[in-house]
Amino acid sequence: MAVGNRQHISQAVKEQLVTMSAYMTPREIQGVTDISKRTVNRVISLATRTGSVVKRSLRVGRLRILNALDIAYLEGCIERTPDIFLSELRDELQRARDVHVSEQTIRHTLLRRGFTRKWVCTTNLGSSLLLTL
């Protein structure tokens, strides 16, 4: 899908540009392929610097809000009090580590770490999540 004057160039085509650069100038490659000279130069430069014609992100997805120390603190809280509620974990994290996150963030983080959960319903608290080891 082209956006403005942009278009996706596949990895195979980029590799072909690098191969062509051994025998042709970027301007000649531009004339043959109808790919801008600037793009040709950028692909060749990237291939020379990294050995690859595409940039690969070191991280995939969104950065995590909680770091390893925050997660270790949460796990420590759960070890001390296995029946702690998410709201209590959130308050403890906020008080001790000055980290402000939602209960859902804590829930997803602990699920990724292998913790299981139980639903506890009470009349005055509504629906809350209770974590167990």
N, C-alpha and C. Protein backbone atom coordinates (compact mmCIF):
# COMPACT_ATOMS: atom_id res chain seq x y z
N MET A 1 0.84 -1.17 0.00
CA MET A 1 0.00 0.00 0.00
C MET A 1 0.89 1.23 0.00
N ALA A 2 0.73 2.05 -0.99
CA ALA A 2 1.55 3.25 -1.12
C ALA A 2 0.96 4.38 -0.29
N VAL A 3 1.80 5.08 0.44
CA VAL A 3 1.40 6.25 1.20
C VAL A 3 2.20 7.41 0.64
N GLY A 4 1.53 8.36 0.00
CA GLY A 4 2.25 9.44 -0.65
C GLY A 4 3.07 8.85 -1.78
N ASN A 5 4.35 9.12 -1.76
CA ASN A 5 5.22 8.55 -2.79
C ASN A 5 6.00 7.34 -2.26
N ARG A 6 5.58 6.80 -1.12
CA ARG A 6 6.26 5.65 -0.53
C ARG A 6 5.65 4.35 -1.05
N GLN A 7 6.49 3.35 -1.17
CA GLN A 7 6.01 2.02 -1.50
C GLN A 7 6.92 1.00 -0.85
N HIS A 8 6.35 -0.14 -0.51
CA HIS A 8 7.12 -1.19 0.13
C HIS A 8 8.05 -1.83 -0.90
N ILE A 9 9.29 -2.02 -0.49
CA ILE A 9 10.26 -2.72 -1.35
C ILE A 9 10.64 -4.00 -0.61
N SER A 10 10.40 -5.12 -1.22
CA SER A 10 10.63 -6.40 -0.56
C SER A 10 12.13 -6.64 -0.31
N GLN A 11 12.40 -7.54 0.60
CA GLN A 11 13.78 -7.88 0.93
C GLN A 11 14.51 -8.43 -0.28
N ALA A 12 13.83 -9.24 -1.10
CA ALA A 12 14.47 -9.82 -2.29
C ALA A 12 14.89 -8.73 -3.28
N VAL A 13 14.04 -7.72 -3.46
CA VAL A 13 14.39 -6.62 -4.37
C VAL A 13 15.57 -5.83 -3.81
N LYS A 14 15.58 -5.60 -2.51
CA LYS A 14 16.70 -4.87 -1.90
C LYS A 14 18.00 -5.65 -2.06
N GLU A 15 17.93 -6.96 -1.89
CA GLU A 15 19.13 -7.78 -2.10
C GLU A 15 19.60 -7.69 -3.55
N GLN A 16 18.65 -7.63 -4.48
CA GLN A 16 18.99 -7.48 -5.90
C GLN A 16 19.66 -6.13 -6.15
N LEU A 17 19.21 -5.09 -5.46
CA LEU A 17 19.85 -3.76 -5.59
C LEU A 17 21.31 -3.83 -5.17
N VAL A 18 21.58 -4.54 -4.07
CA VAL A 18 22.96 -4.66 -3.59
C VAL A 18 23.79 -5.42 -4.61
N THR A 19 23.24 -6.47 -5.19
CA THR A 19 23.96 -7.24 -6.22
C THR A 19 24.24 -6.35 -7.43
N MET A 20 23.25 -5.58 -7.84
CA MET A 20 23.41 -4.69 -9.00
C MET A 20 24.46 -3.61 -8.74
N SER A 21 24.60 -3.22 -7.46
CA SER A 21 25.54 -2.14 -7.15
C SER A 21 26.99 -2.52 -7.43
N ALA A 22 27.28 -3.79 -7.54
CA ALA A 22 28.63 -4.24 -7.86
C ALA A 22 28.97 -3.91 -9.31
N TYR A 23 27.96 -3.76 -10.17
CA TYR A 23 28.18 -3.55 -11.60
C TYR A 23 27.65 -2.22 -12.12
N MET A 24 26.80 -1.57 -11.33
CA MET A 24 26.16 -0.33 -11.80
C MET A 24 26.25 0.75 -10.73
N THR A 25 26.11 2.00 -11.15
CA THR A 25 26.04 3.12 -10.21
C THR A 25 24.61 3.24 -9.71
N PRO A 26 24.42 3.91 -8.58
CA PRO A 26 23.05 4.10 -8.07
C PRO A 26 22.13 4.79 -9.08
N ARG A 27 22.65 5.72 -9.86
CA ARG A 27 21.82 6.40 -10.86
C ARG A 27 21.37 5.42 -11.95
N GLU A 28 22.26 4.53 -12.35
CA GLU A 28 21.89 3.52 -13.36
C GLU A 28 20.86 2.54 -12.79
N ILE A 29 21.03 2.17 -11.52
CA ILE A 29 20.06 1.29 -10.88
C ILE A 29 18.70 1.97 -10.81
N GLN A 30 18.71 3.27 -10.52
CA GLN A 30 17.47 4.03 -10.47
C GLN A 30 16.76 3.99 -11.82
N GLY A 31 17.50 4.16 -12.88
CA GLY A 31 16.90 4.16 -14.21
C GLY A 31 16.31 2.82 -14.59
N VAL A 32 16.94 1.74 -14.16
CA VAL A 32 16.46 0.40 -14.51
C VAL A 32 15.28 -0.03 -13.64
N THR A 33 15.33 0.29 -12.34
CA THR A 33 14.35 -0.24 -11.39
C THR A 33 13.23 0.74 -11.05
N ASP A 34 13.38 2.01 -11.38
CA ASP A 34 12.42 3.05 -11.01
C ASP A 34 12.30 3.20 -9.50
N ILE A 35 13.39 2.92 -8.80
CA ILE A 35 13.50 3.15 -7.36
C ILE A 35 14.42 4.34 -7.18
N SER A 36 14.05 5.27 -6.31
CA SER A 36 14.82 6.51 -6.19
C SER A 36 16.29 6.24 -5.83
N LYS A 37 17.12 7.16 -6.28
CA LYS A 37 18.56 7.04 -6.03
C LYS A 37 18.84 7.05 -4.53
N ARG A 38 18.09 7.86 -3.81
CA ARG A 38 18.27 7.94 -2.36
C ARG A 38 17.98 6.59 -1.70
N THR A 39 16.91 5.95 -2.11
CA THR A 39 16.57 4.64 -1.56
C THR A 39 17.65 3.61 -1.89
N VAL A 40 18.12 3.64 -3.13
CA VAL A 40 19.18 2.71 -3.54
C VAL A 40 20.41 2.92 -2.67
N ASN A 41 20.79 4.18 -2.47
CA ASN A 41 21.97 4.49 -1.63
C ASN A 41 21.76 4.02 -0.19
N ARG A 42 20.55 4.20 0.34
CA ARG A 42 20.28 3.80 1.71
C ARG A 42 20.35 2.29 1.87
N VAL A 43 19.82 1.54 0.91
CA VAL A 43 19.86 0.08 0.97
C VAL A 43 21.30 -0.41 0.91
N ILE A 44 22.07 0.16 -0.01
CA ILE A 44 23.48 -0.24 -0.16
C ILE A 44 24.26 0.09 1.12
N SER A 45 24.02 1.27 1.67
CA SER A 45 24.70 1.69 2.89
C SER A 45 24.37 0.76 4.05
N LEU A 46 23.08 0.42 4.20
CA LEU A 46 22.67 -0.48 5.27
C LEU A 46 23.31 -1.85 5.10
N ALA A 47 23.34 -2.34 3.86
CA ALA A 47 23.95 -3.65 3.60
C ALA A 47 25.44 -3.63 3.91
N THR A 48 26.11 -2.53 3.63
CA THR A 48 27.53 -2.41 3.90
C THR A 48 27.80 -2.36 5.40
N ARG A 49 26.97 -1.61 6.13
CA ARG A 49 27.17 -1.46 7.58
C ARG A 49 26.79 -2.70 8.37
N THR A 50 25.67 -3.33 8.02
CA THR A 50 25.13 -4.39 8.87
C THR A 50 25.18 -5.78 8.24
N GLY A 51 25.38 -5.84 6.94
CA GLY A 51 25.36 -7.12 6.27
C GLY A 51 23.96 -7.58 5.93
N SER A 52 22.96 -6.76 6.20
CA SER A 52 21.57 -7.09 5.91
C SER A 52 20.92 -5.90 5.20
N VAL A 53 19.93 -6.17 4.37
CA VAL A 53 19.28 -5.10 3.62
C VAL A 53 18.02 -4.58 4.32
N VAL A 54 17.66 -5.18 5.45
CA VAL A 54 16.50 -4.72 6.21
C VAL A 54 16.90 -4.48 7.65
N LYS A 55 16.29 -3.47 8.26
CA LYS A 55 16.53 -3.20 9.67
C LYS A 55 15.63 -4.11 10.49
N ARG A 56 16.20 -4.77 11.44
CA ARG A 56 15.44 -5.62 12.34
C ARG A 56 15.44 -4.96 13.72
N SER A 57 14.26 -4.79 14.27
CA SER A 57 14.12 -4.20 15.58
C SER A 57 14.65 -5.18 16.63
N LEU A 58 15.36 -4.65 17.61
CA LEU A 58 15.83 -5.49 18.69
C LEU A 58 14.68 -5.91 19.59
N ARG A 59 13.69 -5.05 19.70
CA ARG A 59 12.51 -5.33 20.51
C ARG A 59 11.30 -5.35 19.61
N VAL A 60 10.41 -6.23 19.93
CA VAL A 60 9.17 -6.31 19.20
C VAL A 60 8.05 -5.97 20.17
N GLY A 61 7.18 -5.08 19.78
CA GLY A 61 6.06 -4.72 20.63
C GLY A 61 6.36 -3.53 21.52
N ARG A 62 5.44 -3.26 22.35
CA ARG A 62 5.51 -2.11 23.23
C ARG A 62 6.46 -2.38 24.41
N LEU A 63 7.12 -1.35 24.87
CA LEU A 63 8.00 -1.48 26.03
C LEU A 63 7.17 -1.75 27.28
N ARG A 64 7.69 -2.51 28.18
CA ARG A 64 7.00 -2.85 29.41
C ARG A 64 7.08 -1.68 30.39
N ILE A 65 6.00 -1.48 31.12
CA ILE A 65 5.96 -0.40 32.11
C ILE A 65 6.73 -0.80 33.36
N LEU A 66 6.59 -2.06 33.77
CA LEU A 66 7.26 -2.54 34.97
C LEU A 66 8.61 -3.14 34.62
N ASN A 67 9.64 -2.72 35.33
CA ASN A 67 10.97 -3.29 35.09
C ASN A 67 11.18 -4.51 35.97
N ALA A 68 12.34 -5.12 35.89
CA ALA A 68 12.63 -6.36 36.61
C ALA A 68 12.56 -6.17 38.13
N LEU A 69 12.99 -5.03 38.62
CA LEU A 69 12.93 -4.78 40.07
C LEU A 69 11.49 -4.65 40.56
N ASP A 70 10.66 -3.99 39.75
CA ASP A 70 9.24 -3.86 40.11
C ASP A 70 8.58 -5.24 40.17
N ILE A 71 8.88 -6.07 39.20
CA ILE A 71 8.30 -7.41 39.15
C ILE A 71 8.80 -8.25 40.33
N ALA A 72 10.08 -8.13 40.64
CA ALA A 72 10.63 -8.86 41.78
C ALA A 72 9.95 -8.41 43.08
N TYR A 73 9.68 -7.11 43.19
CA TYR A 73 8.99 -6.60 44.37
C TYR A 73 7.59 -7.20 44.47
N LEU A 74 6.86 -7.25 43.34
CA LEU A 74 5.52 -7.84 43.34
C LEU A 74 5.57 -9.31 43.75
N GLU A 75 6.54 -10.03 43.21
CA GLU A 75 6.67 -11.45 43.56
C GLU A 75 6.98 -11.63 45.05
N GLY A 76 7.79 -10.73 45.58
CA GLY A 76 8.09 -10.77 47.02
C GLY A 76 6.85 -10.52 47.85
N CYS A 77 6.02 -9.57 47.41
CA CYS A 77 4.77 -9.30 48.13
C CYS A 77 3.87 -10.52 48.12
N ILE A 78 3.83 -11.22 46.99
CA ILE A 78 2.98 -12.41 46.87
C ILE A 78 3.53 -13.54 47.73
N GLU A 79 4.85 -13.66 47.82
CA GLU A 79 5.44 -14.70 48.67
C GLU A 79 5.11 -14.46 50.14
N ARG A 80 5.14 -13.19 50.56
CA ARG A 80 4.81 -12.84 51.95
C ARG A 80 3.32 -13.04 52.24
N THR A 81 2.48 -12.63 51.27
CA THR A 81 1.03 -12.69 51.46
C THR A 81 0.41 -13.31 50.21
N PRO A 82 0.30 -14.62 50.16
CA PRO A 82 -0.19 -15.28 48.94
C PRO A 82 -1.62 -14.92 48.55
N ASP A 83 -2.45 -14.46 49.50
CA ASP A 83 -3.84 -14.14 49.17
C ASP A 83 -4.07 -12.64 48.99
N ILE A 84 -3.05 -11.93 48.53
CA ILE A 84 -3.13 -10.49 48.35
C ILE A 84 -3.95 -10.14 47.11
N PHE A 85 -4.71 -9.07 47.19
CA PHE A 85 -5.53 -8.60 46.08
C PHE A 85 -4.70 -7.73 45.15
N LEU A 86 -5.14 -7.62 43.90
CA LEU A 86 -4.44 -6.77 42.94
C LEU A 86 -4.43 -5.31 43.39
N SER A 87 -5.52 -4.85 43.96
CA SER A 87 -5.57 -3.46 44.44
C SER A 87 -4.53 -3.23 45.53
N GLU A 88 -4.34 -4.23 46.39
CA GLU A 88 -3.33 -4.11 47.44
C GLU A 88 -1.92 -4.14 46.85
N LEU A 89 -1.72 -4.98 45.83
CA LEU A 89 -0.42 -5.00 45.15
C LEU A 89 -0.13 -3.65 44.50
N ARG A 90 -1.15 -3.09 43.86
CA ARG A 90 -0.98 -1.78 43.22
C ARG A 90 -0.60 -0.72 44.25
N ASP A 91 -1.29 -0.72 45.40
CA ASP A 91 -1.00 0.26 46.44
C ASP A 91 0.41 0.08 47.02
N GLU A 92 0.80 -1.18 47.24
CA GLU A 92 2.14 -1.47 47.75
C GLU A 92 3.22 -1.01 46.76
N LEU A 93 3.00 -1.30 45.50
CA LEU A 93 3.97 -0.90 44.47
C LEU A 93 4.07 0.61 44.39
N GLN A 94 2.95 1.26 44.50
CA GLN A 94 2.93 2.73 44.45
C GLN A 94 3.65 3.31 45.66
N ARG A 95 3.42 2.75 46.83
CA ARG A 95 4.03 3.27 48.05
C ARG A 95 5.54 2.99 48.09
N ALA A 96 5.94 1.77 47.79
CA ALA A 96 7.33 1.38 47.97
C ALA A 96 8.23 1.77 46.79
N ARG A 97 7.72 1.65 45.57
CA ARG A 97 8.56 1.86 44.39
C ARG A 97 8.18 3.12 43.61
N ASP A 98 7.13 3.80 44.04
CA ASP A 98 6.65 5.01 43.37
C ASP A 98 6.35 4.75 41.88
N VAL A 99 5.71 3.61 41.63
CA VAL A 99 5.32 3.22 40.28
C VAL A 99 3.81 3.20 40.23
N HIS A 100 3.23 3.94 39.30
CA HIS A 100 1.77 4.05 39.19
C HIS A 100 1.31 3.26 37.97
N VAL A 101 0.68 2.12 38.21
CA VAL A 101 0.17 1.27 37.14
C VAL A 101 -1.24 0.80 37.50
N SER A 102 -1.94 0.30 36.52
CA SER A 102 -3.28 -0.21 36.77
C SER A 102 -3.21 -1.64 37.29
N GLU A 103 -4.34 -2.09 37.82
CA GLU A 103 -4.43 -3.47 38.28
C GLU A 103 -4.27 -4.43 37.10
N GLN A 104 -4.76 -4.04 35.93
CA GLN A 104 -4.64 -4.90 34.75
C GLN A 104 -3.18 -5.09 34.34
N THR A 105 -2.38 -4.04 34.48
CA THR A 105 -0.96 -4.16 34.16
C THR A 105 -0.29 -5.16 35.09
N ILE A 106 -0.62 -5.07 36.37
CA ILE A 106 -0.06 -6.02 37.34
C ILE A 106 -0.54 -7.42 37.02
N ARG A 107 -1.82 -7.56 36.71
CA ARG A 107 -2.39 -8.87 36.40
C ARG A 107 -1.70 -9.50 35.20
N HIS A 108 -1.54 -8.74 34.11
CA HIS A 108 -0.90 -9.26 32.91
C HIS A 108 0.57 -9.62 33.16
N THR A 109 1.23 -8.80 33.95
CA THR A 109 2.64 -9.07 34.27
C THR A 109 2.79 -10.37 35.04
N LEU A 110 1.93 -10.56 36.03
CA LEU A 110 2.02 -11.78 36.85
C LEU A 110 1.60 -13.01 36.06
N LEU A 111 0.65 -12.86 35.18
CA LEU A 111 0.27 -13.99 34.33
C LEU A 111 1.43 -14.40 33.42
N ARG A 112 2.16 -13.41 32.88
CA ARG A 112 3.34 -13.70 32.06
C ARG A 112 4.40 -14.43 32.88
N ARG A 113 4.44 -14.15 34.18
CA ARG A 113 5.43 -14.77 35.07
C ARG A 113 4.98 -16.14 35.58
N GLY A 114 3.77 -16.58 35.19
CA GLY A 114 3.33 -17.91 35.53
C GLY A 114 2.43 -18.02 36.75
N PHE A 115 1.97 -16.91 37.28
CA PHE A 115 1.07 -16.96 38.43
C PHE A 115 -0.33 -17.30 37.97
N THR A 116 -1.05 -18.03 38.81
CA THR A 116 -2.45 -18.36 38.53
C THR A 116 -3.33 -17.44 39.34
N ARG A 117 -4.63 -17.50 39.09
CA ARG A 117 -5.52 -16.58 39.78
C ARG A 117 -6.83 -17.28 40.13
N LYS A 118 -7.52 -16.70 41.11
CA LYS A 118 -8.84 -17.15 41.50
C LYS A 118 -9.73 -15.91 41.60
N TRP A 119 -10.98 -16.06 41.20
CA TRP A 119 -11.93 -14.95 41.34
C TRP A 119 -12.59 -15.06 42.70
N VAL A 120 -12.66 -13.93 43.41
CA VAL A 120 -13.32 -13.88 44.70
C VAL A 120 -14.37 -12.79 44.61
N CYS A 121 -15.60 -13.13 44.92
CA CYS A 121 -16.68 -12.15 44.89
C CYS A 121 -17.18 -11.90 46.30
N THR A 122 -17.24 -10.64 46.70
CA THR A 122 -17.80 -10.28 47.99
C THR A 122 -18.79 -9.16 47.76
N THR A 123 -19.72 -8.96 48.66
CA THR A 123 -20.79 -7.98 48.44
C THR A 123 -20.29 -6.55 48.52
N ASN A 124 -19.39 -6.23 49.44
CA ASN A 124 -18.97 -4.85 49.58
C ASN A 124 -17.78 -4.48 48.70
N LEU A 125 -17.04 -5.44 48.18
CA LEU A 125 -15.89 -5.12 47.32
C LEU A 125 -16.19 -5.32 45.85
N GLY A 126 -17.27 -5.97 45.52
CA GLY A 126 -17.54 -6.29 44.12
C GLY A 126 -16.64 -7.44 43.69
N SER A 127 -16.28 -7.45 42.46
CA SER A 127 -15.45 -8.55 41.93
C SER A 127 -13.98 -8.16 42.05
N SER A 128 -13.20 -8.98 42.68
CA SER A 128 -11.77 -8.71 42.83
C SER A 128 -11.00 -9.95 42.43
N LEU A 129 -9.73 -9.77 42.18
CA LEU A 129 -8.88 -10.88 41.79
C LEU A 129 -7.96 -11.25 42.92
N LEU A 130 -7.94 -12.51 43.27
CA LEU A 130 -7.08 -13.02 44.32
C LEU A 130 -6.02 -13.89 43.68
N LEU A 131 -4.77 -13.65 43.98
CA LEU A 131 -3.68 -14.42 43.38
C LEU A 131 -3.23 -15.51 44.32
N THR A 132 -2.91 -16.64 43.75
CA THR A 132 -2.36 -17.73 44.56
C THR A 132 -1.13 -18.26 43.86
N LEU A 133 -0.27 -18.88 44.62
CA LEU A 133 0.92 -19.49 44.04
C LEU A 133 0.63 -20.86 43.52
